[in-house]
Amino acid sequence: MSFQQAAEPMYNFRMTQRIRLVALALILASILDPARAAPARAESLPQPLTATAYELIDAVNRYRGQNGLPAYSISSILMGTAQNQAAYMASTGNVTHTGPGGISFPDRLTAAGYSFVFRSENIISGSPDATGWDLVNSPSWADSLHQHTMLSPDLCEIGAGVSVSGGRAYYVIDCACPSGSSGTGGSTPVPGATSSGGGGVVSTLATVIPNTPKPDGSISHIVRPGETLWSIAIAYQTTIAELKSLNNLQTDEIYPNQTLQISPPASTQTPAPTSTGTPVPTATPFVFRTATSPPEPTVSPIPSAPVTGGSGVVVVGSIIIAALISAGALTAAGARKSRDNPRG
């Protein structure tokens, strides 16, 4: 046996061992590689709804910024109470401020360990595809009470919750300010809250009745107790910042009987000269009259002319006959007289 023949089996054995080791390494790599298993696990997990809740909070804070107000801080307790209420509404299909067992919103906050001074809650049901900005601008949240939840400086913290059931989404925002806090605006009352004059704030909100423009186009408003800058801004479809700028207000505080300028007079424009052309004479309207036939004249009867016999001969004959008769009468009378007186 040569050396080459003896080395050949040894070489084949070593190659077999190497192949086995490489195959074993590949098998272990495929089992232990987390990068290959992670995508399948991530695809099976549903998208969390907390992103939508935070999107709603971002929209509320953006809305506050447009009205010159600081952003709310996120409270973990309020996030929990809002999410629990959203889940309860989704389970019952009802949009309500009442929680399980008939518990009210203030009691829910107290049960969660939140000691508050001011609190307010907005709830709504809508499409799961609605954005936070869609909800903030929803007509259901356009009234003064819902606007107060999003725009009040008496509130400083926020939490939001979202739950979906049966193709409907249920949204909740809980806003409050804990005890010992003066709100996002320090000692400033509700945006434009009407001060009572003694440092207090009238807590009853009044419905703002907008005034009509004056002849020059300007609009002014006399503040009534309970009105706020934000409620006045909503009523006149303007902003708190615009009202403060027009009235040179340094704070949001306003007072009863205070006159606020809502919009300035319209710019005065010189009217264009009116052309003085020759006036066109006014045509006299044609009057249609009903034609009436004149009354036919009454024909007076013609008096009958005496019958003339048609000739003068008849007249002459009549006269001769009358004369003969008269003569005859006279002759007879004379003869009778002669007889009565005979000549002696």
Protein backbone atom coordinates (compact mmCIF):
# COMPACT_ATOMS: atom_id res chain seq x y z
CA MET A 1 0.00 0.00 0.00
CA SER A 2 1.45 3.31 -1.02
CA PHE A 3 1.35 6.50 1.10
CA GLN A 4 -1.08 8.09 -1.33
CA GLN A 5 -3.52 5.21 -0.95
CA ALA A 6 -3.37 5.41 2.86
CA ALA A 7 -3.99 9.22 2.93
CA GLU A 8 -7.06 9.13 0.70
CA PRO A 9 -9.47 7.60 3.32
CA MET A 10 -8.23 10.09 5.93
CA TYR A 11 -8.96 13.02 3.55
CA ASN A 12 -12.48 11.78 2.86
CA PHE A 13 -13.19 11.46 6.58
CA ARG A 14 -12.07 15.01 7.29
CA MET A 15 -14.20 16.44 4.44
CA THR A 16 -17.24 14.59 5.76
CA GLN A 17 -16.72 16.05 9.23
CA ARG A 18 -16.38 19.56 7.84
CA ILE A 19 -19.55 19.24 5.81
CA ARG A 20 -21.44 18.03 8.88
CA LEU A 21 -20.14 20.94 10.97
CA VAL A 22 -21.15 23.51 8.32
CA ALA A 23 -24.64 21.99 8.03
CA LEU A 24 -25.04 22.02 11.82
CA ALA A 25 -23.98 25.67 11.98
CA LEU A 26 -26.51 26.65 9.33
CA ILE A 27 -29.30 24.84 11.18
CA LEU A 28 -28.42 26.57 14.47
CA ALA A 29 -28.20 29.95 12.74
CA SER A 30 -31.66 29.57 11.24
CA ILE A 31 -33.12 28.67 14.65
CA LEU A 32 -31.42 31.35 16.71
CA ASP A 33 -31.50 34.27 14.22
CA PRO A 34 -34.10 36.78 15.66
CA ALA A 35 -34.15 38.81 12.49
CA ARG A 36 -35.88 36.00 10.58
CA ALA A 37 -38.63 35.38 13.18
CA ALA A 38 -39.38 39.00 14.19
CA PRO A 39 -41.16 40.12 10.98
CA ALA A 40 -43.70 37.30 11.20
CA ARG A 41 -44.40 38.12 14.86
CA ALA A 42 -44.74 41.88 14.16
CA GLU A 43 -47.21 41.30 11.32
CA SER A 44 -49.50 39.29 13.59
CA LEU A 45 -49.87 42.09 16.18
CA PRO A 46 -52.70 44.63 15.68
CA GLN A 47 -51.92 48.33 15.52
CA PRO A 48 -52.38 49.95 18.94
CA LEU A 49 -55.14 52.57 19.35
CA THR A 50 -53.01 54.72 21.64
CA ALA A 51 -51.54 56.41 18.57
CA THR A 52 -55.02 57.69 17.67
CA ALA A 53 -55.52 58.91 21.26
CA TYR A 54 -52.28 60.88 21.13
CA GLU A 55 -53.22 62.23 17.71
CA LEU A 56 -56.43 63.56 19.25
CA ILE A 57 -54.46 65.22 22.05
CA ASP A 58 -52.10 66.79 19.51
CA ALA A 59 -55.08 68.20 17.61
CA VAL A 60 -56.57 69.70 20.79
CA ASN A 61 -53.27 71.35 21.68
CA ARG A 62 -52.89 72.69 18.14
CA TYR A 63 -56.37 74.18 18.43
CA ARG A 64 -55.41 75.81 21.72
CA GLY A 65 -52.32 77.27 20.12
CA GLN A 66 -54.44 78.87 17.40
CA ASN A 67 -56.38 80.62 20.15
CA GLY A 68 -53.33 81.85 22.03
CA LEU A 69 -53.50 79.21 24.77
CA PRO A 70 -50.75 76.93 26.09
CA ALA A 71 -50.84 73.21 25.42
CA TYR A 72 -52.32 70.73 27.87
CA SER A 73 -49.99 68.36 29.70
CA ILE A 74 -50.72 64.65 29.37
CA SER A 75 -51.88 62.94 32.56
CA SER A 76 -51.50 59.19 32.91
CA ILE A 77 -54.54 59.09 35.21
CA LEU A 78 -56.69 60.97 32.69
CA MET A 79 -55.43 58.70 29.92
CA GLY A 80 -56.71 55.77 31.97
CA THR A 81 -60.12 57.27 32.78
CA ALA A 82 -60.66 58.34 29.15
CA GLN A 83 -59.68 54.94 27.75
CA ASN A 84 -61.88 53.11 30.26
CA GLN A 85 -64.88 55.27 29.32
CA ALA A 86 -64.22 54.78 25.60
CA ALA A 87 -64.09 51.01 26.11
CA TYR A 88 -67.32 51.11 28.12
CA MET A 89 -69.13 53.08 25.41
CA ALA A 90 -67.89 50.66 22.76
CA SER A 91 -69.16 47.69 24.79
CA THR A 92 -72.63 49.22 25.23
CA GLY A 93 -72.90 51.10 21.94
CA ASN A 94 -73.97 54.23 23.83
CA VAL A 95 -72.28 57.64 23.84
CA THR A 96 -72.55 58.65 27.49
CA HIS A 97 -70.72 60.40 30.32
CA THR A 98 -72.03 57.77 32.74
CA GLY A 99 -69.67 54.89 33.40
CA PRO A 100 -70.24 51.31 34.59
CA GLY A 101 -72.81 51.08 37.35
CA GLY A 102 -74.01 54.64 36.70
CA ILE A 103 -70.82 56.27 37.99
CA SER A 104 -70.45 59.93 36.97
CA PHE A 105 -67.41 61.58 35.43
CA PRO A 106 -66.34 63.40 38.65
CA ASP A 107 -66.72 60.15 40.62
CA ARG A 108 -64.64 58.31 38.02
CA LEU A 109 -61.83 60.82 38.50
CA THR A 110 -62.05 60.56 42.26
CA ALA A 111 -62.05 56.76 42.10
CA ALA A 112 -58.92 56.91 39.95
CA GLY A 113 -57.19 59.00 42.62
CA TYR A 114 -57.34 62.31 40.77
CA SER A 115 -58.06 65.25 43.08
CA PHE A 116 -59.33 68.02 40.82
CA VAL A 117 -60.43 71.65 40.95
CA PHE A 118 -61.85 71.87 37.43
CA ARG A 119 -62.79 69.03 35.10
CA SER A 120 -64.55 68.59 31.77
CA GLU A 121 -65.12 65.72 29.34
CA ASN A 122 -65.93 65.45 25.64
CA ILE A 123 -67.26 62.25 24.07
CA ILE A 124 -68.20 61.38 20.51
CA SER A 125 -68.77 58.42 18.22
CA GLY A 126 -67.60 58.40 14.62
CA SER A 127 -65.62 56.73 11.91
CA PRO A 128 -62.49 54.80 12.93
CA ASP A 129 -60.71 56.64 10.11
CA ALA A 130 -61.42 60.09 11.58
CA THR A 131 -58.36 62.17 12.36
CA GLY A 132 -57.85 64.11 15.55
CA TRP A 133 -58.41 67.36 13.65
CA ASP A 134 -61.68 66.00 12.26
CA LEU A 135 -62.91 65.42 15.80
CA VAL A 136 -61.80 68.81 17.11
CA ASN A 137 -63.73 70.50 14.29
CA SER A 138 -66.75 68.24 14.55
CA PRO A 139 -70.12 70.08 14.63
CA SER A 140 -70.93 68.00 17.72
CA TRP A 141 -68.14 69.81 19.58
CA ALA A 142 -68.86 73.30 18.22
CA ASP A 143 -71.08 74.51 21.08
CA SER A 144 -69.74 76.53 24.01
CA LEU A 145 -69.64 73.65 26.51
CA HIS A 146 -67.55 71.36 24.30
CA GLN A 147 -65.36 74.28 23.25
CA HIS A 148 -64.79 75.01 26.94
CA THR A 149 -63.28 71.54 27.38
CA MET A 150 -60.69 72.26 24.71
CA LEU A 151 -60.06 75.99 25.26
CA SER A 152 -60.35 76.68 28.99
CA PRO A 153 -57.22 77.89 30.84
CA ASP A 154 -58.85 76.58 34.01
CA LEU A 155 -57.90 73.13 32.71
CA CYS A 156 -54.28 72.10 32.45
CA GLU A 157 -54.07 68.33 31.87
CA ILE A 158 -55.59 65.99 29.32
CA GLY A 159 -56.11 62.33 28.60
CA ALA A 160 -57.71 60.65 25.59
CA GLY A 161 -59.16 57.25 24.84
CA VAL A 162 -60.31 55.43 21.70
CA SER A 163 -62.16 52.14 21.32
CA VAL A 164 -63.64 50.52 18.21
CA SER A 165 -66.62 48.18 18.04
CA GLY A 166 -68.95 47.20 15.22
CA GLY A 167 -67.26 49.50 12.71
CA ARG A 168 -67.72 52.54 15.00
CA ALA A 169 -65.06 54.34 17.01
CA TYR A 170 -65.75 55.90 20.40
CA TYR A 171 -63.58 58.85 21.39
CA VAL A 172 -63.15 60.48 24.81
CA ILE A 173 -61.03 63.38 26.05
CA ASP A 174 -60.85 64.04 29.79
CA CYS A 175 -59.47 67.43 30.80
CA ALA A 176 -58.93 68.63 34.36
CA CYS A 177 -56.66 70.53 36.66
CA PRO A 178 -55.46 68.93 39.93
CA SER A 179 -55.93 70.55 43.31
CA GLY A 180 -53.34 73.18 44.11
CA SER A 181 -52.95 74.20 40.46
CA SER A 182 -54.26 77.45 39.02
CA GLY A 183 -54.58 76.09 35.48
CA THR A 184 -52.58 76.67 32.34
CA GLY A 185 -53.11 80.40 32.60
CA GLY A 186 -51.90 80.86 36.18
CA SER A 187 -54.45 83.07 37.91
CA THR A 188 -56.12 83.89 34.59
CA PRO A 189 -59.76 82.80 34.52
CA VAL A 190 -61.48 80.97 31.70
CA PRO A 191 -60.44 82.61 28.40
CA GLY A 192 -62.09 85.97 28.66
CA ALA A 193 -64.13 84.91 31.68
CA THR A 194 -66.25 87.74 33.01
CA SER A 195 -64.80 89.00 36.27
CA SER A 196 -67.25 89.82 39.04
CA GLY A 197 -65.11 92.80 40.06
CA GLY A 198 -64.06 91.27 43.38
CA GLY A 199 -61.45 88.93 42.01
CA GLY A 200 -63.88 86.04 41.51
CA VAL A 201 -65.07 84.58 38.25
CA VAL A 202 -68.68 84.03 37.29
CA SER A 203 -68.86 80.30 36.71
CA THR A 204 -72.19 80.29 34.86
CA LEU A 205 -71.67 80.44 31.13
CA ALA A 206 -73.96 82.74 29.18
CA THR A 207 -75.10 82.27 25.61
CA VAL A 208 -73.61 84.99 23.43
CA ILE A 209 -76.07 86.70 21.08
CA PRO A 210 -74.14 88.31 18.19
CA ASN A 211 -74.89 91.90 17.19
CA THR A 212 -75.54 92.98 13.62
CA PRO A 213 -73.06 95.28 11.81
CA LYS A 214 -73.51 99.04 12.05
CA PRO A 215 -73.98 101.17 8.92
CA ASP A 216 -70.19 101.64 8.66
CA GLY A 217 -69.68 97.87 8.79
CA SER A 218 -68.22 97.78 12.31
CA ILE A 219 -69.45 95.40 15.02
CA SER A 220 -69.23 95.95 18.77
CA HIS A 221 -70.37 93.80 21.68
CA ILE A 222 -71.30 94.70 25.25
CA VAL A 223 -70.12 91.99 27.63
CA ARG A 224 -72.77 90.33 29.77
CA PRO A 225 -72.11 88.40 33.01
CA GLY A 226 -70.98 84.87 32.29
CA GLU A 227 -69.61 85.61 28.80
CA THR A 228 -66.02 84.78 27.96
CA LEU A 229 -63.60 85.80 25.27
CA TRP A 230 -63.67 82.32 23.78
CA SER A 231 -67.49 82.16 23.76
CA ILE A 232 -67.64 85.62 22.16
CA ALA A 233 -65.00 84.58 19.62
CA ILE A 234 -67.00 81.48 18.72
CA ALA A 235 -70.25 83.45 18.38
CA TYR A 236 -68.66 85.95 15.98
CA GLN A 237 -66.51 83.32 14.20
CA THR A 238 -63.22 84.96 15.12
CA THR A 239 -60.34 84.11 17.50
CA ILE A 240 -59.34 85.13 21.01
CA ALA A 241 -56.05 86.51 19.67
CA GLU A 242 -57.93 88.72 17.19
CA LEU A 243 -60.24 90.08 19.90
CA LYS A 244 -57.31 90.85 22.20
CA SER A 245 -55.51 92.64 19.36
CA LEU A 246 -58.52 94.78 18.39
CA ASN A 247 -59.23 95.77 22.00
CA ASN A 248 -55.64 96.07 23.27
CA LEU A 249 -56.23 93.44 25.94
CA GLN A 250 -53.16 92.23 27.83
CA THR A 251 -55.02 89.35 29.53
CA ASP A 252 -58.08 87.24 28.81
CA GLU A 253 -60.11 88.86 31.59
CA ILE A 254 -63.14 90.95 30.65
CA TYR A 255 -65.86 92.65 32.71
CA PRO A 256 -69.64 93.08 32.53
CA ASN A 257 -70.80 96.08 30.46
CA GLN A 258 -67.38 96.30 28.81
CA THR A 259 -67.66 97.17 25.12
CA LEU A 260 -65.54 95.02 22.82
CA GLN A 261 -64.79 95.79 19.21
CA ILE A 262 -65.46 92.71 17.13
CA SER A 263 -64.59 94.10 13.71
CA PRO A 264 -63.44 97.58 12.63
CA PRO A 265 -65.38 99.83 10.26
CA ALA A 266 -65.18 98.95 6.60
CA SER A 267 -62.68 101.03 4.61
CA THR A 268 -64.30 104.20 3.27
CA GLN A 269 -64.33 104.29 -0.50
CA THR A 270 -65.15 107.28 -2.71
CA PRO A 271 -68.25 106.42 -4.66
CA ALA A 272 -67.87 106.42 -8.41
CA PRO A 273 -69.43 109.49 -10.11
CA THR A 274 -72.81 108.85 -11.52
CA SER A 275 -73.18 109.75 -15.19
CA THR A 276 -75.71 112.50 -15.84
CA GLY A 277 -77.04 111.63 -19.25
CA THR A 278 -80.07 113.14 -20.89
CA PRO A 279 -83.03 111.63 -19.16
CA VAL A 280 -85.20 109.53 -21.33
CA PRO A 281 -88.76 110.84 -21.26
CA THR A 282 -91.17 108.56 -19.64
CA ALA A 283 -93.66 107.28 -22.11
CA THR A 284 -97.23 107.84 -21.17
CA PRO A 285 -98.80 104.48 -20.85
CA PHE A 286 -101.45 103.76 -23.40
CA VAL A 287 -104.81 103.38 -21.77
CA PHE A 288 -107.08 100.91 -23.37
CA ARG A 289 -110.71 102.01 -23.31
CA THR A 290 -113.69 99.92 -24.09
CA ALA A 291 -115.44 101.22 -27.19
CA THR A 292 -119.13 101.80 -26.60
CA SER A 293 -121.55 102.42 -29.41
CA PRO A 294 -123.30 105.79 -29.15
CA PRO A 295 -126.97 105.53 -28.42
CA GLU A 296 -129.12 105.57 -31.45
CA PRO A 297 -131.16 108.80 -31.69
CA THR A 298 -134.80 108.55 -30.85
CA VAL A 299 -136.85 109.18 -33.98
CA SER A 300 -139.68 111.58 -33.26
CA PRO A 301 -142.81 110.67 -35.17
CA ILE A 302 -143.47 113.00 -38.06
CA PRO A 303 -146.88 114.69 -37.67
CA SER A 304 -149.38 113.66 -40.29
CA ALA A 305 -150.00 116.38 -42.84
CA PRO A 306 -153.64 117.21 -43.56
CA VAL A 307 -155.03 115.45 -46.54
CA THR A 308 -155.32 117.92 -49.36
CA GLY A 309 -157.10 115.75 -51.87
CA GLY A 310 -154.17 116.01 -54.01
CA SER A 311 -155.39 119.14 -55.93
CA GLY A 312 -156.93 122.65 -55.57
CA VAL A 313 -159.95 121.73 -57.72
CA VAL A 314 -161.58 119.98 -54.83
CA VAL A 315 -161.32 123.12 -52.70
CA VAL A 316 -162.85 125.38 -55.37
CA GLY A 317 -165.68 122.94 -55.95
CA SER A 318 -166.44 122.87 -52.25
CA ILE A 319 -166.62 126.66 -52.12
CA ILE A 320 -169.03 126.85 -55.13
CA ILE A 321 -171.29 124.22 -53.63
CA ALA A 322 -171.37 126.05 -50.29
CA ALA A 323 -172.22 129.32 -52.13
CA LEU A 324 -175.04 127.68 -54.13
CA ILE A 325 -176.49 126.24 -50.96
CA SER A 326 -176.37 129.62 -49.28
CA ALA A 327 -178.00 131.29 -52.31
CA GLY A 328 -180.70 128.68 -52.42
CA ALA A 329 -181.40 129.22 -48.75
CA LEU A 330 -181.69 132.97 -49.20
CA THR A 331 -184.06 132.61 -52.21
CA ALA A 332 -186.31 130.25 -50.25
CA ALA A 333 -186.40 132.63 -47.34
CA GLY A 334 -187.33 135.55 -49.64
CA ALA A 335 -190.21 133.60 -51.28
CA ARG A 336 -191.70 132.71 -47.96
CA LYS A 337 -191.67 136.30 -46.86
CA SER A 338 -193.52 137.39 -50.02
CA ARG A 339 -196.28 134.95 -49.36
CA ASP A 340 -196.70 136.09 -45.88
CA ASN A 341 -197.01 139.78 -46.99
CA PRO A 342 -199.11 139.96 -50.22
CA ARG A 343 -199.44 143.38 -52.03
CA GLY A 344 -202.67 145.00 -51.49
